[in-house]
Amino acid sequence: MSRRVARTAPRFAPEGLDVTVRPAVAGDLAAVIAIECDAFSDPWPASAFTEAIESDHLHFVVATTRTGALVAYLIGWFAGGDGEIANIAVAADARGHGIGGRLLDEALAIAWERGSATVHLEVRASNAAAQALYASRGFTPVGRRQGYYREPLEDAIVLRRTRDG
């Protein structure tokens, strides 16, 4: 007697762009906070995300799958000729599928559209995967913030991307 093993389709398409990027809404907060707490050892407080949802000055978007699962988010601001990516995270089981890159690409397009000449961000010195993603989008190191991150204490690498590349 043979056993049949059910195979399930991969949750994400290999090309990785099988998501919809849209503005975050209050109903997204629980999923965003869950991703934040899983992704970072020193997560932002829930109140920071609530304030971001309510702000007219922040760019807060989420990426959702066809089934509606929220798998990533990005928060940034772009004004006065400068921009900053303040927070970006992708759910652990969705990493490596191009979703973080898609969020960055769309955020950069909005930054340039709003007149930003540069966009900055900070990344943990030990986070090689994130640094590789940012480098693939034209970000280059411009500084270091000693002891910037807590739990564990670690330096931040300051990265910058200019509109001209």
N, C-alpha and C. Protein backbone atom coordinates (compact mmCIF):
# COMPACT_ATOMS: atom_id res chain seq x y z
N MET A 1 0.85 -1.17 0.00
CA MET A 1 0.00 0.00 0.00
C MET A 1 0.90 1.24 0.00
N SER A 2 0.65 2.13 -0.91
CA SER A 2 1.47 3.35 -0.99
C SER A 2 0.76 4.51 -0.32
N ARG A 3 1.55 5.37 0.20
CA ARG A 3 1.01 6.59 0.82
C ARG A 3 1.22 7.74 -0.13
N ARG A 4 0.25 8.55 -0.23
CA ARG A 4 0.38 9.77 -1.04
C ARG A 4 0.68 10.92 -0.11
N VAL A 5 1.67 11.67 -0.47
CA VAL A 5 2.04 12.84 0.32
C VAL A 5 1.52 14.06 -0.41
N ALA A 6 0.73 14.83 0.27
CA ALA A 6 0.19 16.05 -0.34
C ALA A 6 1.30 17.07 -0.48
N ARG A 7 1.40 17.65 -1.64
CA ARG A 7 2.37 18.73 -1.86
C ARG A 7 1.62 20.04 -1.88
N THR A 8 2.21 21.00 -1.25
CA THR A 8 1.59 22.31 -1.24
C THR A 8 2.38 23.24 -2.13
N ALA A 9 1.69 24.16 -2.75
CA ALA A 9 2.36 25.14 -3.61
C ALA A 9 3.17 26.08 -2.74
N PRO A 10 4.28 26.57 -3.26
CA PRO A 10 5.04 27.55 -2.48
C PRO A 10 4.17 28.76 -2.16
N ARG A 11 4.39 29.32 -1.02
CA ARG A 11 3.58 30.46 -0.59
C ARG A 11 3.85 31.69 -1.45
N PHE A 12 5.05 31.80 -1.99
CA PHE A 12 5.42 32.98 -2.77
C PHE A 12 5.96 32.54 -4.12
N ALA A 13 5.62 33.29 -5.13
CA ALA A 13 6.12 33.00 -6.47
C ALA A 13 7.63 33.17 -6.50
N PRO A 14 8.34 32.33 -7.28
CA PRO A 14 9.80 32.44 -7.33
C PRO A 14 10.28 33.83 -7.72
N GLU A 15 9.56 34.49 -8.61
CA GLU A 15 10.00 35.82 -9.01
C GLU A 15 9.81 36.84 -7.90
N GLY A 16 9.01 36.48 -6.90
CA GLY A 16 8.94 37.27 -5.69
C GLY A 16 8.10 38.52 -5.71
N LEU A 17 7.49 38.85 -6.80
CA LEU A 17 6.74 40.11 -6.84
C LEU A 17 5.23 39.87 -6.78
N ASP A 18 4.84 38.74 -6.26
CA ASP A 18 3.43 38.41 -6.18
C ASP A 18 2.80 39.01 -4.92
N VAL A 19 3.02 40.32 -4.75
CA VAL A 19 2.44 41.03 -3.61
C VAL A 19 1.84 42.34 -4.10
N THR A 20 0.97 42.86 -3.30
CA THR A 20 0.39 44.19 -3.54
C THR A 20 0.94 45.12 -2.47
N VAL A 21 1.41 46.28 -2.89
CA VAL A 21 1.89 47.29 -1.95
C VAL A 21 0.81 48.35 -1.85
N ARG A 22 0.41 48.65 -0.61
CA ARG A 22 -0.66 49.63 -0.38
C ARG A 22 -0.39 50.39 0.91
N PRO A 23 -1.08 51.53 1.08
CA PRO A 23 -0.92 52.27 2.34
C PRO A 23 -1.39 51.43 3.52
N ALA A 24 -0.69 51.54 4.62
CA ALA A 24 -1.07 50.84 5.84
C ALA A 24 -2.33 51.47 6.43
N VAL A 25 -3.14 50.63 7.05
CA VAL A 25 -4.35 51.08 7.74
C VAL A 25 -4.33 50.51 9.16
N ALA A 26 -5.18 51.04 10.01
CA ALA A 26 -5.19 50.63 11.42
C ALA A 26 -5.35 49.12 11.58
N GLY A 27 -6.13 48.50 10.71
CA GLY A 27 -6.33 47.05 10.79
C GLY A 27 -5.08 46.23 10.53
N ASP A 28 -4.03 46.86 10.02
CA ASP A 28 -2.76 46.17 9.74
C ASP A 28 -1.83 46.12 10.95
N LEU A 29 -2.13 46.91 11.97
CA LEU A 29 -1.15 47.10 13.05
C LEU A 29 -0.74 45.81 13.75
N ALA A 30 -1.66 44.91 14.02
CA ALA A 30 -1.29 43.67 14.72
C ALA A 30 -0.28 42.87 13.91
N ALA A 31 -0.51 42.74 12.62
CA ALA A 31 0.42 41.99 11.77
C ALA A 31 1.76 42.70 11.64
N VAL A 32 1.74 44.02 11.51
CA VAL A 32 2.98 44.80 11.41
C VAL A 32 3.80 44.63 12.69
N ILE A 33 3.15 44.75 13.83
CA ILE A 33 3.85 44.63 15.11
C ILE A 33 4.41 43.22 15.29
N ALA A 34 3.67 42.20 14.84
CA ALA A 34 4.18 40.83 14.93
C ALA A 34 5.44 40.66 14.09
N ILE A 35 5.45 41.21 12.87
CA ILE A 35 6.65 41.14 12.02
C ILE A 35 7.79 41.90 12.68
N GLU A 36 7.51 43.08 13.21
CA GLU A 36 8.53 43.90 13.88
C GLU A 36 9.18 43.14 15.03
N CYS A 37 8.35 42.53 15.87
CA CYS A 37 8.87 41.83 17.05
C CYS A 37 9.68 40.59 16.66
N ASP A 38 9.30 39.95 15.56
CA ASP A 38 10.04 38.79 15.08
C ASP A 38 11.35 39.19 14.41
N ALA A 39 11.34 40.33 13.73
CA ALA A 39 12.50 40.74 12.92
C ALA A 39 13.59 41.43 13.73
N PHE A 40 13.23 42.10 14.81
CA PHE A 40 14.19 42.94 15.51
C PHE A 40 14.30 42.58 16.98
N SER A 41 15.52 42.58 17.50
CA SER A 41 15.74 42.28 18.92
C SER A 41 15.34 43.44 19.82
N ASP A 42 15.23 44.63 19.26
CA ASP A 42 14.84 45.83 20.01
C ASP A 42 13.74 46.54 19.21
N PRO A 43 12.53 45.95 19.19
CA PRO A 43 11.48 46.48 18.31
C PRO A 43 10.95 47.84 18.73
N TRP A 44 10.40 48.54 17.74
CA TRP A 44 9.70 49.79 18.02
C TRP A 44 8.50 49.48 18.90
N PRO A 45 8.10 50.42 19.77
CA PRO A 45 6.87 50.22 20.55
C PRO A 45 5.64 50.31 19.65
N ALA A 46 4.58 49.64 20.05
CA ALA A 46 3.35 49.64 19.26
C ALA A 46 2.85 51.06 19.01
N SER A 47 3.05 51.94 19.99
CA SER A 47 2.58 53.33 19.84
C SER A 47 3.23 54.03 18.66
N ALA A 48 4.47 53.67 18.32
CA ALA A 48 5.15 54.30 17.18
C ALA A 48 4.44 53.96 15.88
N PHE A 49 3.93 52.75 15.77
CA PHE A 49 3.21 52.35 14.56
C PHE A 49 1.84 53.02 14.49
N THR A 50 1.20 53.15 15.65
CA THR A 50 -0.09 53.86 15.68
C THR A 50 0.10 55.30 15.24
N GLU A 51 1.13 55.96 15.75
CA GLU A 51 1.42 57.34 15.34
C GLU A 51 1.75 57.42 13.86
N ALA A 52 2.46 56.44 13.34
CA ALA A 52 2.82 56.43 11.92
C ALA A 52 1.58 56.31 11.04
N ILE A 53 0.63 55.49 11.46
CA ILE A 53 -0.62 55.33 10.70
C ILE A 53 -1.37 56.66 10.65
N GLU A 54 -1.35 57.39 11.76
CA GLU A 54 -2.12 58.63 11.87
C GLU A 54 -1.41 59.83 11.26
N SER A 55 -0.14 59.70 10.92
CA SER A 55 0.64 60.83 10.41
C SER A 55 0.37 61.09 8.93
N ASP A 56 0.25 62.36 8.60
CA ASP A 56 0.12 62.77 7.20
C ASP A 56 1.48 62.94 6.54
N HIS A 57 2.54 62.90 7.32
CA HIS A 57 3.88 63.19 6.81
C HIS A 57 4.73 61.95 6.55
N LEU A 58 4.24 60.80 6.99
CA LEU A 58 5.02 59.58 6.82
C LEU A 58 4.49 58.75 5.66
N HIS A 59 5.38 58.03 5.04
CA HIS A 59 5.05 57.07 4.00
C HIS A 59 5.07 55.70 4.69
N PHE A 60 3.91 55.12 4.93
CA PHE A 60 3.80 53.85 5.64
C PHE A 60 3.01 52.92 4.75
N VAL A 61 3.70 51.93 4.19
CA VAL A 61 3.06 50.98 3.28
C VAL A 61 3.29 49.56 3.76
N VAL A 62 2.40 48.68 3.32
CA VAL A 62 2.52 47.25 3.62
C VAL A 62 2.47 46.48 2.31
N ALA A 63 3.02 45.28 2.34
CA ALA A 63 2.94 44.35 1.20
C ALA A 63 2.09 43.18 1.64
N THR A 64 1.10 42.84 0.81
CA THR A 64 0.22 41.72 1.11
C THR A 64 0.21 40.73 -0.06
N THR A 65 -0.01 39.47 0.26
CA THR A 65 -0.10 38.44 -0.76
C THR A 65 -1.50 38.43 -1.36
N ARG A 66 -1.69 37.59 -2.38
CA ARG A 66 -3.02 37.47 -3.00
C ARG A 66 -4.06 37.01 -1.99
N THR A 67 -3.64 36.26 -0.98
CA THR A 67 -4.58 35.79 0.03
C THR A 67 -4.84 36.83 1.11
N GLY A 68 -4.15 37.96 1.03
CA GLY A 68 -4.34 39.03 1.99
C GLY A 68 -3.37 39.00 3.16
N ALA A 69 -2.47 38.03 3.20
CA ALA A 69 -1.50 37.96 4.30
C ALA A 69 -0.53 39.13 4.21
N LEU A 70 -0.37 39.84 5.30
CA LEU A 70 0.57 40.95 5.35
C LEU A 70 1.96 40.36 5.60
N VAL A 71 2.92 40.64 4.70
CA VAL A 71 4.23 40.01 4.78
C VAL A 71 5.38 40.99 4.93
N ALA A 72 5.11 42.29 4.83
CA ALA A 72 6.20 43.26 4.94
C ALA A 72 5.63 44.66 5.11
N TYR A 73 6.49 45.57 5.58
CA TYR A 73 6.10 46.97 5.69
C TYR A 73 7.33 47.85 5.55
N LEU A 74 7.07 49.12 5.27
CA LEU A 74 8.13 50.13 5.19
C LEU A 74 7.55 51.44 5.69
N ILE A 75 8.36 52.16 6.48
CA ILE A 75 8.01 53.49 6.96
C ILE A 75 9.15 54.43 6.60
N GLY A 76 8.80 55.54 6.00
CA GLY A 76 9.81 56.53 5.65
C GLY A 76 9.19 57.91 5.57
N TRP A 77 10.04 58.91 5.39
CA TRP A 77 9.54 60.26 5.12
C TRP A 77 10.43 60.91 4.10
N PHE A 78 9.81 61.75 3.29
CA PHE A 78 10.49 62.36 2.15
C PHE A 78 10.01 63.79 2.03
N ALA A 79 10.83 64.73 2.51
CA ALA A 79 10.45 66.14 2.49
C ALA A 79 11.70 67.00 2.58
N GLY A 80 11.60 68.21 2.09
CA GLY A 80 12.69 69.17 2.22
C GLY A 80 13.97 68.76 1.52
N GLY A 81 13.86 68.02 0.46
CA GLY A 81 15.03 67.63 -0.30
C GLY A 81 15.76 66.41 0.23
N ASP A 82 15.27 65.85 1.33
CA ASP A 82 15.92 64.69 1.91
C ASP A 82 14.86 63.67 2.29
N GLY A 83 15.26 62.43 2.39
CA GLY A 83 14.35 61.38 2.80
C GLY A 83 15.04 60.41 3.72
N GLU A 84 14.24 59.63 4.42
CA GLU A 84 14.80 58.62 5.30
C GLU A 84 13.89 57.40 5.31
N ILE A 85 14.50 56.24 5.20
CA ILE A 85 13.80 54.99 5.42
C ILE A 85 13.98 54.72 6.91
N ALA A 86 12.90 54.82 7.67
CA ALA A 86 12.99 54.69 9.12
C ALA A 86 12.87 53.25 9.58
N ASN A 87 12.10 52.44 8.85
CA ASN A 87 11.87 51.07 9.28
C ASN A 87 11.39 50.26 8.09
N ILE A 88 11.96 49.09 7.92
CA ILE A 88 11.52 48.15 6.89
C ILE A 88 11.73 46.75 7.43
N ALA A 89 10.75 45.88 7.24
CA ALA A 89 10.89 44.50 7.68
C ALA A 89 10.02 43.61 6.80
N VAL A 90 10.51 42.39 6.61
CA VAL A 90 9.79 41.37 5.85
C VAL A 90 9.63 40.17 6.78
N ALA A 91 8.44 39.56 6.76
CA ALA A 91 8.20 38.37 7.58
C ALA A 91 9.24 37.30 7.25
N ALA A 92 9.64 36.55 8.26
CA ALA A 92 10.72 35.56 8.10
C ALA A 92 10.47 34.60 6.95
N ASP A 93 9.25 34.10 6.81
CA ASP A 93 8.98 33.12 5.75
C ASP A 93 8.79 33.75 4.38
N ALA A 94 8.87 35.07 4.30
CA ALA A 94 8.74 35.76 3.02
C ALA A 94 10.06 36.36 2.54
N ARG A 95 11.10 36.23 3.33
CA ARG A 95 12.39 36.81 2.96
C ARG A 95 13.01 36.07 1.78
N GLY A 96 13.79 36.81 1.01
CA GLY A 96 14.48 36.20 -0.11
C GLY A 96 13.66 36.09 -1.38
N HIS A 97 12.52 36.76 -1.41
CA HIS A 97 11.63 36.70 -2.57
C HIS A 97 11.46 38.05 -3.24
N GLY A 98 12.32 39.01 -2.92
CA GLY A 98 12.28 40.30 -3.59
C GLY A 98 11.30 41.31 -3.03
N ILE A 99 10.65 40.98 -1.94
CA ILE A 99 9.62 41.87 -1.39
C ILE A 99 10.25 43.12 -0.78
N GLY A 100 11.32 42.96 -0.03
CA GLY A 100 12.01 44.13 0.54
C GLY A 100 12.52 45.05 -0.55
N GLY A 101 13.06 44.49 -1.61
CA GLY A 101 13.52 45.29 -2.74
C GLY A 101 12.39 46.04 -3.41
N ARG A 102 11.26 45.39 -3.53
CA ARG A 102 10.10 46.05 -4.13
C ARG A 102 9.65 47.23 -3.29
N LEU A 103 9.59 47.05 -1.97
CA LEU A 103 9.22 48.16 -1.09
C LEU A 103 10.21 49.31 -1.21
N LEU A 104 11.49 48.99 -1.24
CA LEU A 104 12.51 50.04 -1.38
C LEU A 104 12.39 50.76 -2.72
N ASP A 105 12.19 50.01 -3.79
CA ASP A 105 12.06 50.62 -5.12
C ASP A 105 10.90 51.61 -5.16
N GLU A 106 9.77 51.19 -4.61
CA GLU A 106 8.60 52.07 -4.61
C GLU A 106 8.82 53.28 -3.71
N ALA A 107 9.47 53.09 -2.57
CA ALA A 107 9.75 54.22 -1.67
C ALA A 107 10.70 55.21 -2.33
N LEU A 108 11.72 54.71 -3.01
CA LEU A 108 12.66 55.61 -3.70
C LEU A 108 11.96 56.38 -4.80
N ALA A 109 11.08 55.73 -5.53
CA ALA A 109 10.34 56.43 -6.59
C ALA A 109 9.51 57.57 -6.00
N ILE A 110 8.89 57.34 -4.85
CA ILE A 110 8.10 58.38 -4.20
C ILE A 110 9.02 59.49 -3.68
N ALA A 111 10.17 59.11 -3.12
CA ALA A 111 11.12 60.12 -2.63
C ALA A 111 11.53 61.05 -3.76
N TRP A 112 11.88 60.50 -4.90
CA TRP A 112 12.31 61.34 -6.04
C TRP A 112 11.14 62.19 -6.54
N GLU A 113 9.96 61.60 -6.58
CA GLU A 113 8.76 62.33 -7.02
C GLU A 113 8.48 63.52 -6.10
N ARG A 114 8.76 63.37 -4.81
CA ARG A 114 8.51 64.44 -3.83
C ARG A 114 9.69 65.41 -3.70
N GLY A 115 10.68 65.25 -4.54
CA GLY A 115 11.78 66.21 -4.57
C GLY A 115 12.98 65.91 -3.71
N SER A 116 13.04 64.71 -3.14
CA SER A 116 14.22 64.36 -2.34
C SER A 116 15.43 64.22 -3.26
N ALA A 117 16.56 64.75 -2.81
CA ALA A 117 17.81 64.58 -3.54
C ALA A 117 18.59 63.39 -3.01
N THR A 118 18.36 63.06 -1.73
CA THR A 118 19.02 61.93 -1.09
C THR A 118 18.04 61.19 -0.18
N VAL A 119 18.34 59.94 0.06
CA VAL A 119 17.59 59.13 1.03
C VAL A 119 18.63 58.43 1.90
N HIS A 120 18.41 58.48 3.22
CA HIS A 120 19.32 57.86 4.19
C HIS A 120 18.61 56.73 4.92
N LEU A 121 19.40 55.87 5.52
CA LEU A 121 18.88 54.85 6.43
C LEU A 121 20.03 54.35 7.28
N GLU A 122 19.69 53.68 8.38
CA GLU A 122 20.68 53.04 9.23
C GLU A 122 20.43 51.54 9.21
N VAL A 123 21.51 50.77 9.33
CA VAL A 123 21.41 49.32 9.36
C VAL A 123 22.43 48.79 10.36
N ARG A 124 22.07 47.73 11.05
CA ARG A 124 23.01 47.12 11.99
C ARG A 124 24.28 46.70 11.26
N ALA A 125 25.41 46.93 11.89
CA ALA A 125 26.69 46.57 11.29
C ALA A 125 26.78 45.08 10.98
N SER A 126 26.07 44.25 11.74
CA SER A 126 26.11 42.80 11.55
C SER A 126 25.08 42.29 10.54
N ASN A 127 24.21 43.14 10.05
CA ASN A 127 23.12 42.68 9.17
C ASN A 127 23.57 42.68 7.71
N ALA A 128 24.32 41.66 7.35
CA ALA A 128 24.89 41.57 6.00
C ALA A 128 23.81 41.45 4.93
N ALA A 129 22.73 40.71 5.22
CA ALA A 129 21.67 40.54 4.22
C ALA A 129 21.02 41.87 3.88
N ALA A 130 20.70 42.67 4.90
CA ALA A 130 20.09 43.97 4.65
C ALA A 130 21.07 44.89 3.94
N GLN A 131 22.33 44.86 4.34
CA GLN A 131 23.33 45.70 3.67
C GLN A 131 23.44 45.35 2.19
N ALA A 132 23.36 44.05 1.87
CA ALA A 132 23.42 43.63 0.46
C ALA A 132 22.20 44.13 -0.30
N LEU A 133 21.03 44.08 0.32
CA LEU A 133 19.82 44.60 -0.32
C LEU A 133 19.97 46.08 -0.60
N TYR A 134 20.41 46.84 0.38
CA TYR A 134 20.55 48.28 0.20
C TYR A 134 21.61 48.61 -0.86
N ALA A 135 22.70 47.88 -0.86
CA ALA A 135 23.74 48.10 -1.88
C ALA A 135 23.19 47.82 -3.28
N SER A 136 22.31 46.81 -3.38
CA SER A 136 21.73 46.48 -4.69
C SER A 136 20.82 47.59 -5.21
N ARG A 137 20.41 48.48 -4.32
CA ARG A 137 19.56 49.61 -4.69
C ARG A 137 20.35 50.91 -4.72
N GLY A 138 21.66 50.83 -4.69
CA GLY A 138 22.50 52.01 -4.85
C GLY A 138 22.87 52.74 -3.58
N PHE A 139 22.55 52.20 -2.41
CA PHE A 139 22.93 52.84 -1.15
C PHE A 139 24.41 52.58 -0.88
N THR A 140 25.10 53.61 -0.39
CA THR A 140 26.52 53.48 -0.06
C THR A 140 26.76 53.98 1.36
N PRO A 141 27.75 53.41 2.05
CA PRO A 141 28.04 53.83 3.43
C PRO A 141 28.59 55.26 3.46
N VAL A 142 28.08 56.05 4.41
CA VAL A 142 28.57 57.42 4.57
C VAL A 142 28.95 57.73 6.02
N GLY A 143 28.73 56.79 6.91
CA GLY A 143 29.06 57.04 8.30
C GLY A 143 28.75 55.85 9.18
N ARG A 144 29.05 56.03 10.46
CA ARG A 144 28.81 54.98 11.45
C ARG A 144 28.35 55.65 12.73
N ARG A 145 27.32 55.11 13.36
CA ARG A 145 26.83 55.62 14.64
C ARG A 145 27.21 54.58 15.71
N GLN A 146 28.14 54.95 16.56
CA GLN A 146 28.63 54.04 17.61
C GLN A 146 27.52 53.75 18.62
N GLY A 147 27.30 52.48 18.92
CA GLY A 147 26.34 52.09 19.94
C GLY A 147 24.91 52.51 19.65
N TYR A 148 24.54 52.64 18.40
CA TYR A 148 23.22 53.13 18.01
C TYR A 148 22.10 52.16 18.39
N TYR A 149 22.34 50.88 18.20
CA TYR A 149 21.31 49.87 18.49
C TYR A 149 21.53 49.29 19.87
N ARG A 150 20.41 48.88 20.49
CA ARG A 150 20.45 48.23 21.80
C ARG A 150 19.96 46.80 21.63
N GLU A 151 20.27 46.00 22.61
CA GLU A 151 19.78 44.62 22.68
C GLU A 151 19.99 43.86 21.39
N PRO A 152 21.17 43.52 21.01
CA PRO A 152 22.43 43.85 21.66
C PRO A 152 22.96 45.20 21.20
N LEU A 153 23.82 45.76 22.02
CA LEU A 153 24.46 47.03 21.68
C LEU A 153 25.29 46.82 20.43
N GLU A 154 25.08 47.69 19.44
CA GLU A 154 25.77 47.52 18.17
C GLU A 154 25.78 48.84 17.41
N ASP A 155 26.80 49.01 16.59
CA ASP A 155 26.90 50.19 15.74
C ASP A 155 25.92 50.11 14.58
N ALA A 156 25.55 51.29 14.09
CA ALA A 156 24.75 51.40 12.87
C ALA A 156 25.65 51.90 11.76
N ILE A 157 25.47 51.34 10.59
CA ILE A 157 26.10 51.87 9.39
C ILE A 157 25.08 52.82 8.76
N VAL A 158 25.48 54.05 8.51
CA VAL A 158 24.60 55.03 7.86
C VAL A 158 24.83 54.90 6.36
N LEU A 159 23.74 54.69 5.64
CA LEU A 159 23.80 54.54 4.19
C LEU A 159 23.05 55.68 3.52
N ARG A 160 23.49 56.03 2.32
CA ARG A 160 22.84 57.10 1.57
C ARG A 160 22.70 56.68 0.11
N ARG A 161 21.60 57.10 -0.46
CA ARG A 161 21.37 56.92 -1.89
C ARG A 161 21.02 58.30 -2.45
N THR A 162 21.69 58.70 -3.51
CA THR A 162 21.34 59.97 -4.15
C THR A 162 20.43 59.69 -5.34
N ARG A 163 19.70 60.70 -5.70
CA ARG A 163 18.76 60.56 -6.81
C ARG A 163 19.48 60.14 -8.09
N ASP A 164 20.68 60.62 -8.27
CA ASP A 164 21.44 60.30 -9.48
C ASP A 164 22.11 58.93 -9.42
N GLY A 165 21.91 58.23 -8.33
CA GLY A 165 22.45 56.88 -8.25
C GLY A 165 23.61 56.76 -7.38
